[in-house]
């Protein structure tokens, strides 16, 4: 079962909506219980693209890293949010799996 706080893999759209790329996202909140729509935050390994005043980084030496399912240090791009259909989730990491 999906729930807020999980890391999931899904196609995340480019800003021009012409393409998407499979990438990890953080499930922030289910928006509509009649639909499976989720507010998600893009996760990237490109730390240099972080907006210092907005985005959040998770590094291997952080306590939460082991439970995240991420393989490398990552930035949670709070400047890159989207509402996506949960049907397109390819995989979902459950904490402590």
PDB file of N, CA and C in Angstrom:
ATOM      1  N   UNK A   1       0.834  -1.175   0.000  1.00  0.00           N
ATOM      2  CA  UNK A   1       0.000   0.000   0.000  1.00  0.00           C
ATOM      3  C   UNK A   1       0.885   1.248   0.000  1.00  0.00           C
ATOM      4  N   UNK A   2       0.514   2.216  -0.785  1.00  0.00           N
ATOM      5  CA  UNK A   2       1.241   3.475  -0.872  1.00  0.00           C
ATOM      6  C   UNK A   2       0.825   4.383   0.278  1.00  0.00           C
ATOM      7  N   UNK A   3       1.810   5.132   0.790  1.00  0.00           N
ATOM      8  CA  UNK A   3       1.475   6.145   1.792  1.00  0.00           C
ATOM      9  C   UNK A   3       2.504   7.264   1.752  1.00  0.00           C
ATOM     10  N   UNK A   4       2.106   8.418   2.256  1.00  0.00           N
ATOM     11  CA  UNK A   4       2.977   9.579   2.287  1.00  0.00           C
ATOM     12  C   UNK A   4       4.269   9.236   3.012  1.00  0.00           C
ATOM     13  N   UNK A   5       5.365   9.748   2.485  1.00  0.00           N
ATOM     14  CA  UNK A   5       6.676   9.508   3.068  1.00  0.00           C
ATOM     15  C   UNK A   5       7.467   8.428   2.372  1.00  0.00           C
ATOM     16  N   UNK A   6       6.820   7.664   1.504  1.00  0.00           N
ATOM     17  CA  UNK A   6       7.529   6.615   0.776  1.00  0.00           C
ATOM     18  C   UNK A   6       8.258   7.184  -0.436  1.00  0.00           C
ATOM     19  N   UNK A   7       9.350   6.507  -0.799  1.00  0.00           N
ATOM     20  CA  UNK A   7      10.052   6.791  -2.041  1.00  0.00           C
ATOM     21  C   UNK A   7       9.491   5.826  -3.081  1.00  0.00           C
ATOM     22  N   UNK A   8       9.106   6.370  -4.227  1.00  0.00           N
ATOM     23  CA  UNK A   8       8.553   5.555  -5.308  1.00  0.00           C
ATOM     24  C   UNK A   8       9.320   5.857  -6.593  1.00  0.00           C
ATOM     25  N   UNK A   9       9.238   4.958  -7.540  1.00  0.00           N
ATOM     26  CA  UNK A   9       9.820   5.168  -8.864  1.00  0.00           C
ATOM     27  C   UNK A   9       8.668   5.355  -9.835  1.00  0.00           C
ATOM     28  N   UNK A  10       8.709   6.458 -10.578  1.00  0.00           N
ATOM     29  CA  UNK A  10       7.641   6.709 -11.548  1.00  0.00           C
ATOM     30  C   UNK A  10       8.120   7.687 -12.617  1.00  0.00           C
ATOM     31  N   UNK A  11       7.429   7.723 -13.760  1.00  0.00           N
ATOM     32  CA  UNK A  11       7.785   8.700 -14.784  1.00  0.00           C
ATOM     33  C   UNK A  11       7.443  10.102 -14.302  1.00  0.00           C
ATOM     34  N   UNK A  12       8.446  10.973 -14.293  1.00  0.00           N
ATOM     35  CA  UNK A  12       8.243  12.358 -13.859  1.00  0.00           C
ATOM     36  C   UNK A  12       8.338  13.243 -15.096  1.00  0.00           C
ATOM     37  N   UNK A  13       7.330  14.079 -15.342  1.00  0.00           N
ATOM     38  CA  UNK A  13       7.298  14.851 -16.596  1.00  0.00           C
ATOM     39  C   UNK A  13       8.318  15.990 -16.609  1.00  0.00           C
ATOM     40  N   UNK A  14       8.861  16.246 -17.803  1.00  0.00           N
ATOM     41  CA  UNK A  14       9.655  17.450 -18.018  1.00  0.00           C
ATOM     42  C   UNK A  14       8.707  18.647 -17.977  1.00  0.00           C
ATOM     43  N   UNK A  15       9.240  19.830 -17.729  1.00  0.00           N
ATOM     44  CA  UNK A  15       8.378  21.003 -17.575  1.00  0.00           C
ATOM     45  C   UNK A  15       7.615  21.349 -18.845  1.00  0.00           C
ATOM     46  N   UNK A  16       8.134  20.956 -20.020  1.00  0.00           N
ATOM     47  CA  UNK A  16       7.406  21.248 -21.261  1.00  0.00           C
ATOM     48  C   UNK A  16       6.397  20.152 -21.608  1.00  0.00           C
ATOM     49  N   UNK A  17       6.301  19.130 -20.773  1.00  0.00           N
ATOM     50  CA  UNK A  17       5.342  18.018 -20.890  1.00  0.00           C
ATOM     51  C   UNK A  17       5.515  17.175 -22.152  1.00  0.00           C
ATOM     52  N   UNK A  18       6.636  17.317 -22.856  1.00  0.00           N
ATOM     53  CA  UNK A  18       6.851  16.512 -24.059  1.00  0.00           C
ATOM     54  C   UNK A  18       7.367  15.116 -23.739  1.00  0.00           C
ATOM     55  N   UNK A  19       8.082  14.973 -22.642  1.00  0.00           N
ATOM     56  CA  UNK A  19       8.667  13.684 -22.258  1.00  0.00           C
ATOM     57  C   UNK A  19       8.598  13.532 -20.749  1.00  0.00           C
ATOM     58  N   UNK A  20       8.982  12.363 -20.311  1.00  0.00           N
ATOM     59  CA  UNK A  20       9.136  12.121 -18.880  1.00  0.00           C
ATOM     60  C   UNK A  20      10.358  11.233 -18.697  1.00  0.00           C
ATOM     61  N   UNK A  21      10.814  11.147 -17.468  1.00  0.00           N
ATOM     62  CA  UNK A  21      11.966  10.307 -17.147  1.00  0.00           C
ATOM     63  C   UNK A  21      11.643   9.524 -15.889  1.00  0.00           C
ATOM     64  N   UNK A  22      11.968   8.224 -15.894  1.00  0.00           N
ATOM     65  CA  UNK A  22      11.768   7.416 -14.691  1.00  0.00           C
ATOM     66  C   UNK A  22      12.737   7.906 -13.625  1.00  0.00           C
ATOM     67  N   UNK A  23      12.191   8.270 -12.488  1.00  0.00           N
ATOM     68  CA  UNK A  23      13.039   8.752 -11.411  1.00  0.00           C
ATOM     69  C   UNK A  23      12.359   8.533 -10.072  1.00  0.00           C
ATOM     70  N   UNK A  24      13.149   8.555  -9.005  1.00  0.00           N
ATOM     71  CA  UNK A  24      12.534   8.442  -7.684  1.00  0.00           C
ATOM     72  C   UNK A  24      11.777   9.719  -7.339  1.00  0.00           C
ATOM     73  N   UNK A  25      10.700   9.542  -6.619  1.00  0.00           N
ATOM     74  CA  UNK A  25       9.911  10.659  -6.111  1.00  0.00           C
ATOM     75  C   UNK A  25       9.566  10.357  -4.652  1.00  0.00           C
ATOM     76  N   UNK A  26       9.316  11.403  -3.914  1.00  0.00           N
ATOM     77  CA  UNK A  26       8.809  11.270  -2.551  1.00  0.00           C
ATOM     78  C   UNK A  26       7.311  11.485  -2.604  1.00  0.00           C
ATOM     79  N   UNK A  27       6.551  10.505  -2.130  1.00  0.00           N
ATOM     80  CA  UNK A  27       5.100  10.659  -2.062  1.00  0.00           C
ATOM     81  C   UNK A  27       4.787  11.592  -0.901  1.00  0.00           C
ATOM     82  N   UNK A  28       4.265  12.774  -1.212  1.00  0.00           N
ATOM     83  CA  UNK A  28       3.977  13.758  -0.167  1.00  0.00           C
ATOM     84  C   UNK A  28       2.580  13.598   0.416  1.00  0.00           C
ATOM     85  N   UNK A  29       1.588  13.425  -0.478  1.00  0.00           N
ATOM     86  CA  UNK A  29       0.202  13.354   0.011  1.00  0.00           C
ATOM     87  C   UNK A  29      -0.706  12.840  -1.091  1.00  0.00           C
ATOM     88  N   UNK A  30      -1.610  11.960  -0.714  1.00  0.00           N
ATOM     89  CA  UNK A  30      -2.670  11.561  -1.642  1.00  0.00           C
ATOM     90  C   UNK A  30      -3.697  12.686  -1.645  1.00  0.00           C
ATOM     91  N   UNK A  31      -4.080  13.131  -2.820  1.00  0.00           N
ATOM     92  CA  UNK A  31      -4.914  14.324  -2.913  1.00  0.00           C
ATOM     93  C   UNK A  31      -6.401  14.048  -2.994  1.00  0.00           C
ATOM     94  N   UNK A  32      -6.775  12.903  -3.494  1.00  0.00           N
ATOM     95  CA  UNK A  32      -8.188  12.635  -3.725  1.00  0.00           C
ATOM     96  C   UNK A  32      -8.426  11.149  -3.484  1.00  0.00           C
ATOM     97  N   UNK A  33      -9.267  10.831  -2.534  1.00  0.00           N
ATOM     98  CA  UNK A  33      -9.491   9.418  -2.223  1.00  0.00           C
ATOM     99  C   UNK A  33     -10.350   8.714  -3.271  1.00  0.00           C
ATOM    100  N   UNK A  34     -11.075   9.460  -4.088  1.00  0.00           N
ATOM    101  CA  UNK A  34     -11.841   8.848  -5.171  1.00  0.00           C
ATOM    102  C   UNK A  34     -10.907   8.501  -6.337  1.00  0.00           C
ATOM    103  N   UNK A  35      -9.829   9.270  -6.481  1.00  0.00           N
ATOM    104  CA  UNK A  35      -8.818   9.030  -7.504  1.00  0.00           C
ATOM    105  C   UNK A  35      -7.521   8.651  -6.778  1.00  0.00           C
ATOM    106  N   UNK A  36      -6.556   8.149  -7.524  1.00  0.00           N
ATOM    107  CA  UNK A  36      -5.265   7.789  -6.927  1.00  0.00           C
ATOM    108  C   UNK A  36      -4.228   8.845  -7.301  1.00  0.00           C
ATOM    109  N   UNK A  37      -4.562  10.122  -7.070  1.00  0.00           N
ATOM    110  CA  UNK A  37      -3.667  11.227  -7.410  1.00  0.00           C
ATOM    111  C   UNK A  37      -2.774  11.553  -6.219  1.00  0.00           C
ATOM    112  N   UNK A  38      -1.476  11.757  -6.510  1.00  0.00           N
ATOM    113  CA  UNK A  38      -0.488  12.013  -5.473  1.00  0.00           C
ATOM    114  C   UNK A  38       0.300  13.276  -5.766  1.00  0.00           C
ATOM    115  N   UNK A  39       0.516  14.076  -4.738  1.00  0.00           N
ATOM    116  CA  UNK A  39       1.460  15.176  -4.813  1.00  0.00           C
ATOM    117  C   UNK A  39       2.822  14.562  -4.525  1.00  0.00           C
ATOM    118  N   UNK A  40       3.758  14.731  -5.479  1.00  0.00           N
ATOM    119  CA  UNK A  40       5.073  14.120  -5.348  1.00  0.00           C
ATOM    120  C   UNK A  40       6.165  15.173  -5.507  1.00  0.00           C
ATOM    121  N   UNK A  41       7.311  14.846  -4.972  1.00  0.00           N
ATOM    122  CA  UNK A  41       8.495  15.697  -5.054  1.00  0.00           C
ATOM    123  C   UNK A  41       9.575  14.907  -5.781  1.00  0.00           C
ATOM    124  N   UNK A  42      10.175  15.509  -6.801  1.00  0.00           N
ATOM    125  CA  UNK A  42      11.242  14.868  -7.565  1.00  0.00           C
ATOM    126  C   UNK A  42      12.473  14.681  -6.679  1.00  0.00           C
ATOM    127  N   UNK A  43      13.158  13.553  -6.852  1.00  0.00           N
ATOM    128  CA  UNK A  43      14.404  13.263  -6.146  1.00  0.00           C
ATOM    129  C   UNK A  43      15.494  13.114  -7.204  1.00  0.00           C
ATOM    130  N   UNK A  44      16.637  13.736  -6.972  1.00  0.00           N
ATOM    131  CA  UNK A  44      17.724  13.722  -7.952  1.00  0.00           C
ATOM    132  C   UNK A  44      19.057  13.491  -7.260  1.00  0.00           C
ATOM    133  N   UNK A  45      19.989  12.880  -7.963  1.00  0.00           N
ATOM    134  CA  UNK A  45      21.340  12.707  -7.431  1.00  0.00           C
ATOM    135  C   UNK A  45      22.242  13.879  -7.811  1.00  0.00           C
ATOM    136  N   UNK A  46      21.723  14.831  -8.548  1.00  0.00           N
ATOM    137  CA  UNK A  46      22.516  15.998  -8.966  1.00  0.00           C
ATOM    138  C   UNK A  46      22.457  17.077  -7.887  1.00  0.00           C
ATOM    139  N   UNK A  47      23.305  16.894  -6.899  1.00  0.00           N
ATOM    140  CA  UNK A  47      23.302  17.769  -5.731  1.00  0.00           C
ATOM    141  C   UNK A  47      23.590  19.222  -6.090  1.00  0.00           C
ATOM    142  N   UNK A  48      24.371  19.441  -7.133  1.00  0.00           N
ATOM    143  CA  UNK A  48      24.729  20.816  -7.508  1.00  0.00           C
ATOM    144  C   UNK A  48      23.528  21.620  -8.008  1.00  0.00           C
ATOM    145  N   UNK A  49      22.420  20.946  -8.327  1.00  0.00           N
ATOM    146  CA  UNK A  49      21.232  21.650  -8.793  1.00  0.00           C
ATOM    147  C   UNK A  49      20.298  22.068  -7.659  1.00  0.00           C
ATOM    148  N   UNK A  50      20.682  21.763  -6.444  1.00  0.00           N
ATOM    149  CA  UNK A  50      19.818  22.063  -5.291  1.00  0.00           C
ATOM    150  C   UNK A  50      19.643  23.564  -5.113  1.00  0.00           C
ATOM    151  N   UNK A  51      18.424  23.951  -4.819  1.00  0.00           N
ATOM    152  CA  UNK A  51      18.114  25.319  -4.416  1.00  0.00           C
ATOM    153  C   UNK A  51      18.334  25.349  -2.899  1.00  0.00           C
ATOM    154  N   UNK A  52      19.421  25.943  -2.470  1.00  0.00           N
ATOM    155  CA  UNK A  52      19.836  25.865  -1.067  1.00  0.00           C
ATOM    156  C   UNK A  52      18.757  26.294  -0.080  1.00  0.00           C
ATOM    157  N   UNK A  53      17.972  27.298  -0.414  1.00  0.00           N
ATOM    158  CA  UNK A  53      16.963  27.804   0.517  1.00  0.00           C
ATOM    159  C   UNK A  53      15.655  27.011   0.460  1.00  0.00           C
ATOM    160  N   UNK A  54      15.555  26.060  -0.454  1.00  0.00           N
ATOM    161  CA  UNK A  54      14.288  25.365  -0.662  1.00  0.00           C
ATOM    162  C   UNK A  54      14.410  23.843  -0.609  1.00  0.00           C
ATOM    163  N   UNK A  55      15.385  23.289  -1.318  1.00  0.00           N
ATOM    164  CA  UNK A  55      15.505  21.836  -1.436  1.00  0.00           C
ATOM    165  C   UNK A  55      16.182  21.234  -0.203  1.00  0.00           C
ATOM    166  N   UNK A  56      16.025  19.909  -0.046  1.00  0.00           N
ATOM    167  CA  UNK A  56      16.576  19.187   1.105  1.00  0.00           C
ATOM    168  C   UNK A  56      17.457  18.059   0.599  1.00  0.00           C
ATOM    169  N   UNK A  57      18.632  17.903   1.195  1.00  0.00           N
ATOM    170  CA  UNK A  57      19.561  16.845   0.791  1.00  0.00           C
ATOM    171  C   UNK A  57      19.569  15.716   1.803  1.00  0.00           C
ATOM    172  N   UNK A  58      19.737  14.510   1.273  1.00  0.00           N
ATOM    173  CA  UNK A  58      19.873  13.319   2.100  1.00  0.00           C
ATOM    174  C   UNK A  58      21.162  12.630   1.684  1.00  0.00           C
ATOM    175  N   UNK A  59      22.053  12.449   2.632  1.00  0.00           N
ATOM    176  CA  UNK A  59      23.378  11.875   2.358  1.00  0.00           C
ATOM    177  C   UNK A  59      23.524  10.536   3.085  1.00  0.00           C
ATOM    178  N   UNK A  60      24.422   9.671   2.594  1.00  0.00           N
ATOM    179  CA  UNK A  60      24.588   8.344   3.207  1.00  0.00           C
ATOM    180  C   UNK A  60      24.882   8.361   4.695  1.00  0.00           C
ATOM    181  N   UNK A  61      25.466   9.421   5.227  1.00  0.00           N
ATOM    182  CA  UNK A  61      25.755   9.464   6.662  1.00  0.00           C
ATOM    183  C   UNK A  61      24.583   9.977   7.499  1.00  0.00           C
ATOM    184  N   UNK A  62      23.463  10.338   6.855  1.00  0.00           N
ATOM    185  CA  UNK A  62      22.255  10.740   7.580  1.00  0.00           C
ATOM    186  C   UNK A  62      21.517   9.505   8.098  1.00  0.00           C
ATOM    187  N   UNK A  63      20.925   9.613   9.272  1.00  0.00           N
ATOM    188  CA  UNK A  63      20.224   8.475   9.893  1.00  0.00           C
ATOM    189  C   UNK A  63      19.122   7.902   9.002  1.00  0.00           C
ATOM    190  N   UNK A  64      18.420   8.759   8.266  1.00  0.00           N
ATOM    191  CA  UNK A  64      17.282   8.323   7.459  1.00  0.00           C
ATOM    192  C   UNK A  64      17.691   7.639   6.154  1.00  0.00           C
ATOM    193  N   UNK A  65      18.956   7.750   5.776  1.00  0.00           N
ATOM    194  CA  UNK A  65      19.378   7.285   4.455  1.00  0.00           C
ATOM    195  C   UNK A  65      19.146   5.785   4.265  1.00  0.00           C
ATOM    196  N   UNK A  66      19.499   4.977   5.231  1.00  0.00           N
ATOM    197  CA  UNK A  66      19.385   3.518   5.094  1.00  0.00           C
ATOM    198  C   UNK A  66      17.955   3.082   4.804  1.00  0.00           C
ATOM    199  N   UNK A  67      16.977   3.746   5.396  1.00  0.00           N
ATOM    200  CA  UNK A  67      15.573   3.381   5.197  1.00  0.00           C
ATOM    201  C   UNK A  67      14.991   3.947   3.906  1.00  0.00           C
ATOM    202  N   UNK A  68      15.694   4.859   3.261  1.00  0.00           N
ATOM    203  CA  UNK A  68      15.137   5.549   2.091  1.00  0.00           C
ATOM    204  C   UNK A  68      15.079   4.679   0.844  1.00  0.00           C
ATOM    205  N   UNK A  69      15.990   3.715   0.727  1.00  0.00           N
ATOM    206  CA  UNK A  69      16.067   2.917  -0.495  1.00  0.00           C
ATOM    207  C   UNK A  69      16.892   3.583  -1.578  1.00  0.00           C
ATOM    208  N   UNK A  70      17.365   4.795  -1.327  1.00  0.00           N
ATOM    209  CA  UNK A  70      18.205   5.488  -2.301  1.00  0.00           C
ATOM    210  C   UNK A  70      19.607   4.894  -2.270  1.00  0.00           C
ATOM    211  N   UNK A  71      20.295   4.979  -3.402  1.00  0.00           N
ATOM    212  CA  UNK A  71      21.622   4.373  -3.498  1.00  0.00           C
ATOM    213  C   UNK A  71      22.744   5.379  -3.334  1.00  0.00           C
ATOM    214  N   UNK A  72      22.456   6.647  -3.600  1.00  0.00           N
ATOM    215  CA  UNK A  72      23.473   7.697  -3.511  1.00  0.00           C
ATOM    216  C   UNK A  72      22.869   8.924  -2.836  1.00  0.00           C
ATOM    217  N   UNK A  73      23.744   9.841  -2.431  1.00  0.00           N
ATOM    218  CA  UNK A  73      23.272  11.105  -1.869  1.00  0.00           C
ATOM    219  C   UNK A  73      22.293  11.736  -2.858  1.00  0.00           C
ATOM    220  N   UNK A  74      21.228  12.304  -2.348  1.00  0.00           N
ATOM    221  CA  UNK A  74      20.170  12.815  -3.220  1.00  0.00           C
ATOM    222  C   UNK A  74      19.618  14.129  -2.693  1.00  0.00           C
ATOM    223  N   UNK A  75      19.036  14.873  -3.608  1.00  0.00           N
ATOM    224  CA  UNK A  75      18.377  16.123  -3.246  1.00  0.00           C
ATOM    225  C   UNK A  75      16.880  15.967  -3.522  1.00  0.00           C
ATOM    226  N   UNK A  76      16.078  16.341  -2.551  1.00  0.00           N
ATOM    227  CA  UNK A  76      14.627  16.350  -2.693  1.00  0.00           C
ATOM    228  C   UNK A  76      14.276  17.724  -3.231  1.00  0.00           C
ATOM    229  N   UNK A  77      13.886  17.774  -4.496  1.00  0.00           N
ATOM    230  CA  UNK A  77      13.701  19.030  -5.208  1.00  0.00           C
ATOM    231  C   UNK A  77      12.311  19.596  -4.925  1.00  0.00           C
ATOM    232  N   UNK A  78      12.181  20.305  -3.821  1.00  0.00           N
ATOM    233  CA  UNK A  78      10.900  20.907  -3.468  1.00  0.00           C
ATOM    234  C   UNK A  78      10.483  21.970  -4.473  1.00  0.00           C
ATOM    235  N   UNK A  79      11.420  22.356  -5.318  1.00  0.00           N
ATOM    236  CA  UNK A  79      11.098  23.259  -6.425  1.00  0.00           C
ATOM    237  C   UNK A  79      10.542  22.493  -7.626  1.00  0.00           C
ATOM    238  N   UNK A  80      10.450  21.175  -7.523  1.00  0.00           N
ATOM    239  CA  UNK A  80       9.922  20.324  -8.594  1.00  0.00           C
ATOM    240  C   UNK A  80       8.841  19.402  -8.030  1.00  0.00           C
ATOM    241  N   UNK A  81       7.651  19.944  -7.885  1.00  0.00           N
ATOM    242  CA  UNK A  81       6.502  19.177  -7.411  1.00  0.00           C
ATOM    243  C   UNK A  81       5.581  18.881  -8.577  1.00  0.00           C
ATOM    244  N   UNK A  82       4.830  17.800  -8.466  1.00  0.00           N
ATOM    245  CA  UNK A  82       3.851  17.458  -9.501  1.00  0.00           C
ATOM    246  C   UNK A  82       2.721  16.658  -8.855  1.00  0.00           C
ATOM    247  N   UNK A  83       1.581  16.670  -9.504  1.00  0.00           N
ATOM    248  CA  UNK A  83       0.472  15.799  -9.132  1.00  0.00           C
ATOM    249  C   UNK A  83       0.407  14.722 -10.211  1.00  0.00           C
ATOM    250  N   UNK A  84       0.598  13.468  -9.786  1.00  0.00           N
ATOM    251  CA  UNK A  84       0.654  12.354 -10.731  1.00  0.00           C
ATOM    252  C   UNK A  84      -0.287  11.241 -10.287  1.00  0.00           C
ATOM    253  N   UNK A  85      -0.764  10.504 -11.263  1.00  0.00           N
ATOM    254  CA  UNK A  85      -1.662   9.381 -11.019  1.00  0.00           C
ATOM    255  C   UNK A  85      -0.863   8.225 -10.421  1.00  0.00           C
ATOM    256  N   UNK A  86      -1.303   7.722  -9.279  1.00  0.00           N
ATOM    257  CA  UNK A  86      -0.641   6.614  -8.612  1.00  0.00           C
ATOM    258  C   UNK A  86      -0.564   5.353  -9.451  1.00  0.00           C
ATOM    259  N   UNK A  87      -1.372   5.256 -10.482  1.00  0.00           N
ATOM    260  CA  UNK A  87      -1.328   4.106 -11.396  1.00  0.00           C
ATOM    261  C   UNK A  87       0.041   3.991 -12.064  1.00  0.00           C
ATOM    262  N   UNK A  88       0.752   5.104 -12.169  1.00  0.00           N
ATOM    263  CA  UNK A  88       2.034   5.107 -12.874  1.00  0.00           C
ATOM    264  C   UNK A  88       3.226   4.825 -11.974  1.00  0.00           C
ATOM    265  N   UNK A  89       2.974   4.516 -10.724  1.00  0.00           N
ATOM    266  CA  UNK A  89       4.072   4.142  -9.827  1.00  0.00           C
ATOM    267  C   UNK A  89       4.606   2.777 -10.263  1.00  0.00           C
ATOM    268  N   UNK A  90       5.897   2.726 -10.558  1.00  0.00           N
ATOM    269  CA  UNK A  90       6.531   1.493 -11.037  1.00  0.00           C
ATOM    270  C   UNK A  90       6.973   0.615  -9.888  1.00  0.00           C
ATOM    271  N   UNK A  91       7.418   1.222  -8.808  1.00  0.00           N
ATOM    272  CA  UNK A  91       7.778   0.486  -7.593  1.00  0.00           C
ATOM    273  C   UNK A  91       7.710   1.472  -6.441  1.00  0.00           C
ATOM    274  N   UNK A  92       7.592   0.909  -5.260  1.00  0.00           N
ATOM    275  CA  UNK A  92       7.438   1.754  -4.077  1.00  0.00           C
ATOM    276  C   UNK A  92       8.248   1.130  -2.954  1.00  0.00           C
ATOM    277  N   UNK A  93       9.102   1.916  -2.316  1.00  0.00           N
ATOM    278  CA  UNK A  93       9.942   1.443  -1.222  1.00  0.00           C
ATOM    279  C   UNK A  93       9.186   1.586   0.087  1.00  0.00           C
ATOM    280  N   UNK A  94       9.001   0.480   0.768  1.00  0.00           N
ATOM    281  CA  UNK A  94       8.393   0.522   2.093  1.00  0.00           C
ATOM    282  C   UNK A  94       9.499   0.677   3.131  1.00  0.00           C
ATOM    283  N   UNK A  95       9.331   1.542   4.096  1.00  0.00           N
ATOM    284  CA  UNK A  95      10.349   1.702   5.116  1.00  0.00           C
ATOM    285  C   UNK A  95      10.710   0.362   5.768  1.00  0.00           C
ATOM    286  N   UNK A  96      11.985   0.166   5.988  1.00  0.00           N
ATOM    287  CA  UNK A  96      12.553  -1.013   6.641  1.00  0.00           C
ATOM    288  C   UNK A  96      12.495  -2.267   5.781  1.00  0.00           C
ATOM    289  N   UNK A  97      12.229  -2.132   4.462  1.00  0.00           N
ATOM    290  CA  UNK A  97      12.285  -3.299   3.552  1.00  0.00           C
ATOM    291  C   UNK A  97      13.723  -3.668   3.302  1.00  0.00           C
TER     292      UNK A  97
END
